[in-house]
Protein backbone atom coordinates (compact mmCIF):
# COMPACT_ATOMS: atom_id res chain seq x y z
CA GLN A 1 42.13 19.42 -1.18
CA THR A 2 44.12 16.14 -2.42
CA PHE A 3 46.01 16.67 -5.96
CA TYR A 4 46.04 12.94 -7.97
CA GLY A 5 48.08 12.27 -10.63
CA HIS A 6 51.69 11.51 -10.26
CA ALA A 7 52.57 7.56 -11.14
CA ASN A 8 55.50 7.43 -8.73
CA ALA A 9 56.30 9.19 -5.12
CA CYS A 10 55.93 12.96 -5.66
CA ASN A 11 59.26 14.38 -3.81
CA GLN A 12 58.10 17.86 -3.50
CA ALA A 13 55.39 20.77 -3.52
CA VAL A 14 55.49 24.34 -3.71
CA PHE A 15 53.52 27.21 -4.49
CA ASN A 16 53.79 29.94 -6.63
CA MET A 17 54.03 33.67 -4.97
CA ARG A 18 50.45 34.26 -5.64
CA GLY A 19 49.59 31.07 -4.20
CA ASP A 20 47.01 30.08 -7.62
CA THR A 21 49.53 27.75 -8.31
CA ILE A 22 51.36 24.35 -7.07
CA ALA A 23 54.06 22.85 -8.48
CA SER A 24 54.88 19.23 -7.72
CA CYS A 25 57.96 16.96 -8.21
CA ASP A 26 58.50 12.94 -9.01
CA ALA A 27 60.86 9.97 -8.93
CA ASP A 28 59.89 9.60 -12.43
CA GLY A 29 61.10 13.16 -13.22
CA VAL A 30 58.60 14.49 -13.90
CA VAL A 31 56.67 17.99 -12.71
CA LYS A 32 53.17 18.85 -12.88
CA LEU A 33 51.58 22.52 -12.25
CA TRP A 34 48.29 22.32 -10.45
CA ASP A 35 46.09 25.66 -10.60
CA VAL A 36 44.65 25.56 -7.03
CA ARG A 37 41.24 26.97 -7.88
CA VAL A 38 39.69 24.70 -9.56
CA VAL A 39 42.28 21.55 -8.34
CA SER A 40 43.31 20.71 -11.59
CA GLU A 41 46.46 19.65 -13.24
CA TYR A 42 47.39 22.25 -16.57
CA LEU A 43 50.66 21.38 -17.45
CA GLN A 44 52.99 18.58 -17.32
CA ILE A 45 56.84 18.63 -17.82
CA ASP A 46 59.26 15.59 -18.64
CA THR A 47 62.38 16.45 -17.13
CA GLY A 48 64.31 12.90 -18.28
CA ASN A 49 64.84 10.06 -16.81
CA HIS A 50 66.18 11.30 -13.71
CA PRO A 51 63.94 12.01 -10.35
CA ALA A 52 62.54 16.03 -10.17
CA ASN A 53 63.82 16.42 -6.36
CA ALA A 54 62.56 20.01 -5.80
CA ALA A 55 61.34 22.87 -7.81
CA CYS A 56 60.68 26.88 -7.19
CA PHE A 57 59.48 29.47 -8.89
CA ASP A 58 60.82 32.85 -9.43
CA ARG A 59 58.89 36.15 -7.98
CA GLY A 60 57.01 36.93 -10.97
CA GLY A 61 56.10 33.07 -11.32
CA LYS A 62 56.74 33.16 -15.31
CA VAL A 63 60.13 30.93 -14.52
CA LEU A 64 60.63 27.06 -12.58
CA ALA A 65 64.04 26.02 -11.43
CA ILE A 66 63.60 22.12 -11.23
CA ALA A 67 66.38 20.33 -8.96
CA SER A 68 67.19 17.17 -10.94
CA GLY A 69 68.75 13.60 -10.42
CA ASP A 70 71.23 14.07 -13.62
CA ALA A 71 72.98 16.56 -11.18
CA SER A 72 71.78 19.80 -13.02
CA ILE A 73 69.05 22.37 -12.57
CA LYS A 74 66.80 23.06 -14.91
CA THR A 75 64.87 26.25 -15.65
CA PHE A 76 61.87 26.23 -17.51
CA ASN A 77 59.58 29.08 -18.91
CA VAL A 78 56.41 28.27 -17.40
CA GLU A 79 54.53 31.25 -19.67
CA ASP A 80 55.93 30.35 -22.89
CA ARG A 81 56.20 26.09 -22.30
CA VAL A 82 59.57 25.86 -23.34
CA PHE A 83 62.83 25.02 -21.05
CA VAL A 84 64.87 28.24 -21.02
CA ALA A 85 68.60 26.46 -19.94
CA GLY A 86 70.03 23.40 -18.26
CA LEU A 87 72.65 24.41 -15.37
CA GLU A 88 75.23 21.84 -15.05
CA GLY A 89 78.09 21.30 -12.87
CA HIS A 90 77.11 19.10 -9.56
CA GLU A 91 78.67 15.99 -9.30
CA ASP A 92 76.04 14.26 -7.76
CA SER A 93 71.88 14.44 -7.71
CA VAL A 94 70.54 18.29 -7.00
CA GLN A 95 68.33 17.72 -4.04
CA ASP A 96 66.67 20.57 -3.42
CA ILE A 97 66.38 24.39 -4.71
CA ALA A 98 65.45 27.78 -3.13
């Protein structure tokens, strides 16, 4: 299946552990969560004015860590739909996370 919805380049897409959700990150700082079963977006996360370069789910699929072009890692609670923390300290863009 093809998932459409990002207005700009998609930097990465990653499955959660259950395989029913994809998180995709784009150059506009938007992360979209997709329900694989029905091929539709169910949540859009705006991370700011810098690219969202990569994302990684925790084992339970509850928290999403997002590598940002603003030199930070942002953690987002997917169930509660809120940012948990912004981890700062890098000197430049964070390109990947695992």
